[in-house]
Amino acid sequence: MEVGTGRRLGPKVLGCALAIVVVALACQDTTGVHWVDSLSLKPDSLYLVPGESLQFDVVPLDQHDLPLPERAGRVEWNLSNPDVAVIETTETGATITGVAPGGTFVRVELGRGSAIGSVYVEPFELSEIRIEPSPVEVNYRSRRVTVRGILIGPDGEEVPPTDFRASWRIGDIQTFIMVGRQEVITGISNSVWGRNRGTAALTLVVGDRTVTTSVIVR
């Protein structure tokens, strides 16, 4: 490389010049314009009873996935069903208050970012959930066994599953399956069918409560 003076620059000078250019570009990339590229919404679901309030927190992220917490107050919040819950925004998120049993969705938007959260309002808080029978014993590929989720209310009595969101999670689908042949099955009562001899976990999820038992395939 030559300059106007006719003097040739050595390799060390060229190396220093290149390093300066790289540093300058890096500084420009990290100190330049930052836009909201995505939104982090936590938790992804809320479970409440009427009159109870819980919080969603949102953090805007830029094009490098770096947090921009100072922009959280600009996020736009939309609730799909105000008959189920009401929303009040804060500087860091939003407070959700349950109104009536049911489900609804919350959508947040800012810049290029968006996210969706779920809100489930249950009739009342359960004191316990159970699986019957427990453990579950089933013969290998010969017959099905029906399992039930038992919901216990605040007074210690069994309550109907109406307006409660229930699902089943299978620990190992090679050992047993349930109706629908899925890893997550909805409904409070389902049938278990053994596929291979062994033991695997079966979990019932109702709202934010879980209970697990063993399925033994003989």
C-alpha atoms as a PDB file:
ATOM      1  CA  MET A   1       0.000   0.000   0.000  1.00  0.00           C
ATOM      2  CA  GLU A   2       1.283   3.466  -0.885  1.00  0.00           C
ATOM      3  CA  VAL A   3       0.385   6.939   0.341  1.00  0.00           C
ATOM      4  CA  GLY A   4       0.749  10.369  -1.243  1.00  0.00           C
ATOM      5  CA  THR A   5       4.255  10.841   0.152  1.00  0.00           C
ATOM      6  CA  GLY A   6       5.442   7.851  -1.814  1.00  0.00           C
ATOM      7  CA  ARG A   7       6.317   6.000   1.399  1.00  0.00           C
ATOM      8  CA  ARG A   8       5.256   2.357   1.741  1.00  0.00           C
ATOM      9  CA  LEU A   9       3.460   1.303   4.944  1.00  0.00           C
ATOM     10  CA  GLY A  10       4.818  -1.778   6.646  1.00  0.00           C
ATOM     11  CA  PRO A  11       2.804  -4.849   7.765  1.00  0.00           C
ATOM     12  CA  LYS A  12       2.649  -3.651  11.368  1.00  0.00           C
ATOM     13  CA  VAL A  13       1.085  -0.339  10.377  1.00  0.00           C
ATOM     14  CA  LEU A  14      -1.433  -2.076   8.131  1.00  0.00           C
ATOM     15  CA  GLY A  15      -2.322  -4.476  10.959  1.00  0.00           C
ATOM     16  CA  CYS A  16      -2.935  -1.609  13.377  1.00  0.00           C
ATOM     17  CA  ALA A  17      -5.095   0.208  10.832  1.00  0.00           C
ATOM     18  CA  LEU A  18      -7.189  -2.913  10.233  1.00  0.00           C
ATOM     19  CA  ALA A  19      -7.639  -3.435  13.986  1.00  0.00           C
ATOM     20  CA  ILE A  20      -8.837   0.165  14.389  1.00  0.00           C
ATOM     21  CA  VAL A  21     -11.401  -0.325  11.616  1.00  0.00           C
ATOM     22  CA  VAL A  22     -12.697  -3.565  13.195  1.00  0.00           C
ATOM     23  CA  VAL A  23     -13.014  -1.941  16.628  1.00  0.00           C
ATOM     24  CA  ALA A  24     -14.791   1.051  15.143  1.00  0.00           C
ATOM     25  CA  LEU A  25     -17.315  -1.160  13.369  1.00  0.00           C
ATOM     26  CA  ALA A  26     -17.899  -3.183  16.531  1.00  0.00           C
ATOM     27  CA  CYS A  27     -18.496  -0.056  18.584  1.00  0.00           C
ATOM     28  CA  GLN A  28     -20.874   1.256  15.958  1.00  0.00           C
ATOM     29  CA  ASP A  29     -22.832  -2.026  16.060  1.00  0.00           C
ATOM     30  CA  THR A  30     -23.223  -2.001  19.847  1.00  0.00           C
ATOM     31  CA  THR A  31     -23.755   1.725  20.358  1.00  0.00           C
ATOM     32  CA  GLY A  32     -25.933   2.440  17.322  1.00  0.00           C
ATOM     33  CA  VAL A  33     -29.699   2.209  16.925  1.00  0.00           C
ATOM     34  CA  HIS A  34     -31.417  -0.574  18.897  1.00  0.00           C
ATOM     35  CA  TRP A  35     -34.918  -1.647  17.964  1.00  0.00           C
ATOM     36  CA  VAL A  36     -37.297  -4.037  19.712  1.00  0.00           C
ATOM     37  CA  ASP A  37     -37.032  -7.310  17.826  1.00  0.00           C
ATOM     38  CA  SER A  38     -38.846  -9.645  20.247  1.00  0.00           C
ATOM     39  CA  LEU A  39     -40.645  -9.735  23.601  1.00  0.00           C
ATOM     40  CA  SER A  40     -40.071 -12.077  26.540  1.00  0.00           C
ATOM     41  CA  LEU A  41     -43.329 -12.672  28.459  1.00  0.00           C
ATOM     42  CA  LYS A  42     -43.216 -14.546  31.774  1.00  0.00           C
ATOM     43  CA  PRO A  43     -44.866 -16.683  32.901  1.00  0.00           C
ATOM     44  CA  ASP A  44     -46.504 -18.075  29.776  1.00  0.00           C
ATOM     45  CA  SER A  45     -49.705 -18.938  31.711  1.00  0.00           C
ATOM     46  CA  LEU A  46     -51.550 -17.656  34.776  1.00  0.00           C
ATOM     47  CA  TYR A  47     -54.081 -19.611  36.850  1.00  0.00           C
ATOM     48  CA  LEU A  48     -56.406 -17.582  39.091  1.00  0.00           C
ATOM     49  CA  VAL A  49     -59.702 -17.657  40.911  1.00  0.00           C
ATOM     50  CA  PRO A  50     -62.232 -14.791  40.714  1.00  0.00           C
ATOM     51  CA  GLY A  51     -60.914 -11.756  42.582  1.00  0.00           C
ATOM     52  CA  GLU A  52     -57.304 -12.975  42.629  1.00  0.00           C
ATOM     53  CA  SER A  53     -54.570 -10.908  40.943  1.00  0.00           C
ATOM     54  CA  LEU A  54     -51.303 -12.118  39.440  1.00  0.00           C
ATOM     55  CA  GLN A  55     -48.578 -10.481  37.350  1.00  0.00           C
ATOM     56  CA  PHE A  56     -47.222 -10.908  33.830  1.00  0.00           C
ATOM     57  CA  ASP A  57     -43.718  -9.479  33.330  1.00  0.00           C
ATOM     58  CA  VAL A  58     -42.457  -8.421  29.908  1.00  0.00           C
ATOM     59  CA  VAL A  59     -38.938  -7.593  28.739  1.00  0.00           C
ATOM     60  CA  PRO A  60     -38.326  -6.147  25.251  1.00  0.00           C
ATOM     61  CA  LEU A  61     -35.252  -7.599  23.506  1.00  0.00           C
ATOM     62  CA  ASP A  62     -33.259  -5.884  20.766  1.00  0.00           C
ATOM     63  CA  GLN A  63     -31.867  -7.345  17.533  1.00  0.00           C
ATOM     64  CA  HIS A  64     -28.997  -8.895  19.526  1.00  0.00           C
ATOM     65  CA  ASP A  65     -31.331 -10.430  22.162  1.00  0.00           C
ATOM     66  CA  LEU A  66     -30.150  -7.838  24.667  1.00  0.00           C
ATOM     67  CA  PRO A  67     -32.792  -6.623  27.168  1.00  0.00           C
ATOM     68  CA  LEU A  68     -34.314  -3.164  26.862  1.00  0.00           C
ATOM     69  CA  PRO A  69     -36.188  -2.974  30.196  1.00  0.00           C
ATOM     70  CA  GLU A  70     -36.652   0.782  29.945  1.00  0.00           C
ATOM     71  CA  ARG A  71     -39.087   0.212  27.053  1.00  0.00           C
ATOM     72  CA  ALA A  72     -41.357  -2.225  28.907  1.00  0.00           C
ATOM     73  CA  GLY A  73     -43.771   0.603  29.746  1.00  0.00           C
ATOM     74  CA  ARG A  74     -44.417   1.167  26.023  1.00  0.00           C
ATOM     75  CA  VAL A  75     -45.695  -2.352  25.365  1.00  0.00           C
ATOM     76  CA  GLU A  76     -49.272  -2.589  24.085  1.00  0.00           C
ATOM     77  CA  TRP A  77     -51.446  -5.138  25.924  1.00  0.00           C
ATOM     78  CA  ASN A  78     -54.628  -6.739  24.589  1.00  0.00           C
ATOM     79  CA  LEU A  79     -56.960  -9.128  26.428  1.00  0.00           C
ATOM     80  CA  SER A  80     -59.181 -11.332  24.270  1.00  0.00           C
ATOM     81  CA  ASN A  81     -62.042 -11.828  26.770  1.00  0.00           C
ATOM     82  CA  PRO A  82     -62.635  -9.108  29.392  1.00  0.00           C
ATOM     83  CA  ASP A  83     -65.541 -11.136  30.825  1.00  0.00           C
ATOM     84  CA  VAL A  84     -63.025 -13.641  32.228  1.00  0.00           C
ATOM     85  CA  ALA A  85     -60.332 -11.272  33.502  1.00  0.00           C
ATOM     86  CA  VAL A  86     -59.331  -7.606  33.545  1.00  0.00           C
ATOM     87  CA  ILE A  87     -55.896  -6.126  32.956  1.00  0.00           C
ATOM     88  CA  GLU A  88     -53.997  -3.191  34.445  1.00  0.00           C
ATOM     89  CA  THR A  89     -50.622  -2.297  32.938  1.00  0.00           C
ATOM     90  CA  THR A  90     -47.532  -1.424  34.992  1.00  0.00           C
ATOM     91  CA  GLU A  91     -44.027  -0.162  34.156  1.00  0.00           C
ATOM     92  CA  THR A  92     -42.712  -3.742  33.944  1.00  0.00           C
ATOM     93  CA  GLY A  93     -45.750  -5.743  32.824  1.00  0.00           C
ATOM     94  CA  ALA A  94     -49.414  -6.082  33.693  1.00  0.00           C
ATOM     95  CA  THR A  95     -51.589  -7.205  36.586  1.00  0.00           C
ATOM     96  CA  ILE A  96     -54.342  -9.678  35.696  1.00  0.00           C
ATOM     97  CA  THR A  97     -57.397 -10.026  37.954  1.00  0.00           C
ATOM     98  CA  GLY A  98     -59.811 -12.927  37.594  1.00  0.00           C
ATOM     99  CA  VAL A  99     -63.481 -12.063  37.046  1.00  0.00           C
ATOM    100  CA  ALA A 100     -65.310 -15.291  36.143  1.00  0.00           C
ATOM    101  CA  PRO A 101     -64.379 -18.917  35.335  1.00  0.00           C
ATOM    102  CA  GLY A 102     -63.059 -19.414  31.839  1.00  0.00           C
ATOM    103  CA  GLY A 103     -60.014 -18.879  29.650  1.00  0.00           C
ATOM    104  CA  THR A 104     -58.598 -15.924  27.756  1.00  0.00           C
ATOM    105  CA  PHE A 105     -55.410 -14.820  26.011  1.00  0.00           C
ATOM    106  CA  VAL A 106     -53.127 -11.844  26.485  1.00  0.00           C
ATOM    107  CA  ARG A 107     -51.217 -10.479  23.489  1.00  0.00           C
ATOM    108  CA  VAL A 108     -48.319  -8.035  23.851  1.00  0.00           C
ATOM    109  CA  GLU A 109     -46.788  -6.012  21.016  1.00  0.00           C
ATOM    110  CA  LEU A 110     -44.001  -3.477  20.597  1.00  0.00           C
ATOM    111  CA  GLY A 111     -41.915  -2.759  17.509  1.00  0.00           C
ATOM    112  CA  ARG A 112     -41.217  -6.015  15.721  1.00  0.00           C
ATOM    113  CA  GLY A 113     -41.879  -8.059  18.848  1.00  0.00           C
ATOM    114  CA  SER A 114     -45.000  -9.875  20.009  1.00  0.00           C
ATOM    115  CA  ALA A 115     -45.906 -12.645  22.450  1.00  0.00           C
ATOM    116  CA  ILE A 116     -49.016 -14.429  23.739  1.00  0.00           C
ATOM    117  CA  GLY A 117     -49.837 -15.580  27.268  1.00  0.00           C
ATOM    118  CA  SER A 118     -52.750 -17.651  28.580  1.00  0.00           C
ATOM    119  CA  VAL A 119     -55.047 -16.810  31.496  1.00  0.00           C
ATOM    120  CA  TYR A 120     -57.247 -19.445  33.135  1.00  0.00           C
ATOM    121  CA  VAL A 121     -59.739 -18.463  35.823  1.00  0.00           C
ATOM    122  CA  GLU A 122     -60.945 -21.432  37.869  1.00  0.00           C
ATOM    123  CA  PRO A 123     -64.093 -21.450  40.048  1.00  0.00           C
ATOM    124  CA  PHE A 124     -62.094 -21.807  43.290  1.00  0.00           C
ATOM    125  CA  GLU A 125     -58.751 -23.049  44.544  1.00  0.00           C
ATOM    126  CA  LEU A 126     -58.420 -26.817  44.905  1.00  0.00           C
ATOM    127  CA  SER A 127     -56.949 -28.255  48.080  1.00  0.00           C
ATOM    128  CA  GLU A 128     -55.774 -31.478  46.432  1.00  0.00           C
ATOM    129  CA  ILE A 129     -55.838 -33.548  43.245  1.00  0.00           C
ATOM    130  CA  ARG A 130     -55.496 -37.341  43.038  1.00  0.00           C
ATOM    131  CA  ILE A 131     -55.230 -40.131  40.488  1.00  0.00           C
ATOM    132  CA  GLU A 132     -57.304 -43.279  40.934  1.00  0.00           C
ATOM    133  CA  PRO A 133     -56.269 -46.036  40.894  1.00  0.00           C
ATOM    134  CA  SER A 134     -52.743 -45.390  42.127  1.00  0.00           C
ATOM    135  CA  PRO A 135     -50.532 -47.053  41.101  1.00  0.00           C
ATOM    136  CA  VAL A 136     -52.088 -48.094  37.807  1.00  0.00           C
ATOM    137  CA  GLU A 137     -51.595 -51.766  36.923  1.00  0.00           C
ATOM    138  CA  VAL A 138     -52.386 -53.011  33.433  1.00  0.00           C
ATOM    139  CA  ASN A 139     -51.745 -56.288  31.629  1.00  0.00           C
ATOM    140  CA  TYR A 140     -49.515 -56.207  28.580  1.00  0.00           C
ATOM    141  CA  ARG A 141     -51.673 -55.597  25.477  1.00  0.00           C
ATOM    142  CA  SER A 142     -54.674 -57.444  26.887  1.00  0.00           C
ATOM    143  CA  ARG A 143     -57.031 -54.806  28.312  1.00  0.00           C
ATOM    144  CA  ARG A 144     -57.357 -51.155  29.142  1.00  0.00           C
ATOM    145  CA  VAL A 145     -57.628 -49.611  32.578  1.00  0.00           C
ATOM    146  CA  THR A 146     -59.588 -46.421  33.187  1.00  0.00           C
ATOM    147  CA  VAL A 147     -57.877 -43.753  35.288  1.00  0.00           C
ATOM    148  CA  ARG A 148     -59.671 -40.781  36.858  1.00  0.00           C
ATOM    149  CA  GLY A 149     -58.540 -37.470  38.174  1.00  0.00           C
ATOM    150  CA  ILE A 150     -60.107 -36.649  41.530  1.00  0.00           C
ATOM    151  CA  LEU A 151     -60.462 -32.954  42.414  1.00  0.00           C
ATOM    152  CA  ILE A 152     -60.818 -32.004  46.075  1.00  0.00           C
ATOM    153  CA  GLY A 153     -62.330 -28.637  46.995  1.00  0.00           C
ATOM    154  CA  PRO A 154     -61.577 -26.347  49.953  1.00  0.00           C
ATOM    155  CA  ASP A 155     -64.022 -28.271  52.168  1.00  0.00           C
ATOM    156  CA  GLY A 156     -62.257 -31.597  51.551  1.00  0.00           C
ATOM    157  CA  GLU A 157     -65.037 -32.947  49.328  1.00  0.00           C
ATOM    158  CA  GLU A 158     -64.734 -34.121  45.719  1.00  0.00           C
ATOM    159  CA  VAL A 159     -65.897 -31.510  43.189  1.00  0.00           C
ATOM    160  CA  PRO A 160     -66.868 -31.833  39.504  1.00  0.00           C
ATOM    161  CA  PRO A 161     -64.203 -30.914  36.942  1.00  0.00           C
ATOM    162  CA  THR A 162     -66.357 -28.219  35.329  1.00  0.00           C
ATOM    163  CA  ASP A 163     -64.324 -25.083  34.432  1.00  0.00           C
ATOM    164  CA  PHE A 164     -61.034 -26.703  35.488  1.00  0.00           C
ATOM    165  CA  ARG A 165     -58.339 -27.229  32.865  1.00  0.00           C
ATOM    166  CA  ALA A 166     -56.991 -30.780  33.154  1.00  0.00           C
ATOM    167  CA  SER A 167     -54.409 -32.705  31.119  1.00  0.00           C
ATOM    168  CA  TRP A 168     -52.361 -35.891  31.390  1.00  0.00           C
ATOM    169  CA  ARG A 169     -48.652 -36.278  30.680  1.00  0.00           C
ATOM    170  CA  ILE A 170     -47.126 -39.643  29.782  1.00  0.00           C
ATOM    171  CA  GLY A 171     -43.599 -40.334  30.965  1.00  0.00           C
ATOM    172  CA  ASP A 172     -42.772 -42.969  28.323  1.00  0.00           C
ATOM    173  CA  ILE A 173     -45.077 -43.698  25.389  1.00  0.00           C
ATOM    174  CA  GLN A 174     -43.117 -46.883  24.664  1.00  0.00           C
ATOM    175  CA  THR A 175     -44.420 -48.349  27.945  1.00  0.00           C
ATOM    176  CA  PHE A 176     -48.063 -47.247  27.753  1.00  0.00           C
ATOM    177  CA  ILE A 177     -50.391 -44.903  25.890  1.00  0.00           C
ATOM    178  CA  MET A 178     -53.729 -43.214  26.577  1.00  0.00           C
ATOM    179  CA  VAL A 179     -56.765 -42.546  24.415  1.00  0.00           C
ATOM    180  CA  GLY A 180     -55.675 -40.276  21.576  1.00  0.00           C
ATOM    181  CA  ARG A 181     -52.122 -41.685  21.525  1.00  0.00           C
ATOM    182  CA  GLN A 182     -50.607 -38.350  22.485  1.00  0.00           C
ATOM    183  CA  GLU A 183     -48.063 -37.312  25.082  1.00  0.00           C
ATOM    184  CA  VAL A 184     -50.519 -34.757  26.454  1.00  0.00           C
ATOM    185  CA  ILE A 185     -54.169 -35.831  26.779  1.00  0.00           C
ATOM    186  CA  THR A 186     -56.991 -33.599  27.945  1.00  0.00           C
ATOM    187  CA  GLY A 187     -59.978 -34.733  29.991  1.00  0.00           C
ATOM    188  CA  ILE A 188     -60.398 -35.820  33.580  1.00  0.00           C
ATOM    189  CA  SER A 189     -60.892 -39.542  32.775  1.00  0.00           C
ATOM    190  CA  ASN A 190     -58.962 -41.643  30.252  1.00  0.00           C
ATOM    191  CA  SER A 191     -57.973 -45.217  29.467  1.00  0.00           C
ATOM    192  CA  VAL A 192     -54.457 -46.633  29.791  1.00  0.00           C
ATOM    193  CA  TRP A 193     -53.230 -49.351  27.443  1.00  0.00           C
ATOM    194  CA  GLY A 194     -49.923 -51.174  27.978  1.00  0.00           C
ATOM    195  CA  ARG A 195     -47.534 -51.381  25.034  1.00  0.00           C
ATOM    196  CA  ASN A 196     -44.447 -52.960  26.595  1.00  0.00           C
ATOM    197  CA  ARG A 197     -43.698 -54.426  29.996  1.00  0.00           C
ATOM    198  CA  GLY A 198     -42.187 -51.954  32.435  1.00  0.00           C
ATOM    199  CA  THR A 199     -42.988 -48.975  34.652  1.00  0.00           C
ATOM    200  CA  ALA A 200     -43.454 -45.340  33.657  1.00  0.00           C
ATOM    201  CA  ALA A 201     -44.835 -42.153  35.182  1.00  0.00           C
ATOM    202  CA  LEU A 202     -48.309 -40.722  34.593  1.00  0.00           C
ATOM    203  CA  THR A 203     -48.913 -37.114  35.631  1.00  0.00           C
ATOM    204  CA  LEU A 204     -52.207 -35.258  36.027  1.00  0.00           C
ATOM    205  CA  VAL A 205     -52.066 -31.473  35.656  1.00  0.00           C
ATOM    206  CA  VAL A 206     -54.973 -29.322  36.834  1.00  0.00           C
ATOM    207  CA  GLY A 207     -54.243 -25.612  36.679  1.00  0.00           C
ATOM    208  CA  ASP A 208     -50.932 -25.096  38.450  1.00  0.00           C
ATOM    209  CA  ARG A 209     -51.235 -28.335  40.456  1.00  0.00           C
ATOM    210  CA  THR A 210     -49.673 -31.681  39.501  1.00  0.00           C
ATOM    211  CA  VAL A 211     -49.775 -35.217  40.868  1.00  0.00           C
ATOM    212  CA  THR A 212     -47.852 -38.230  39.547  1.00  0.00           C
ATOM    213  CA  THR A 213     -48.350 -41.974  39.859  1.00  0.00           C
ATOM    214  CA  SER A 214     -46.731 -45.064  38.348  1.00  0.00           C
ATOM    215  CA  VAL A 215     -48.156 -47.162  35.535  1.00  0.00           C
ATOM    216  CA  ILE A 216     -46.994 -50.774  35.810  1.00  0.00           C
ATOM    217  CA  VAL A 217     -47.361 -52.885  32.692  1.00  0.00           C
ATOM    218  CA  ARG A 218     -47.081 -56.603  33.523  1.00  0.00           C
END
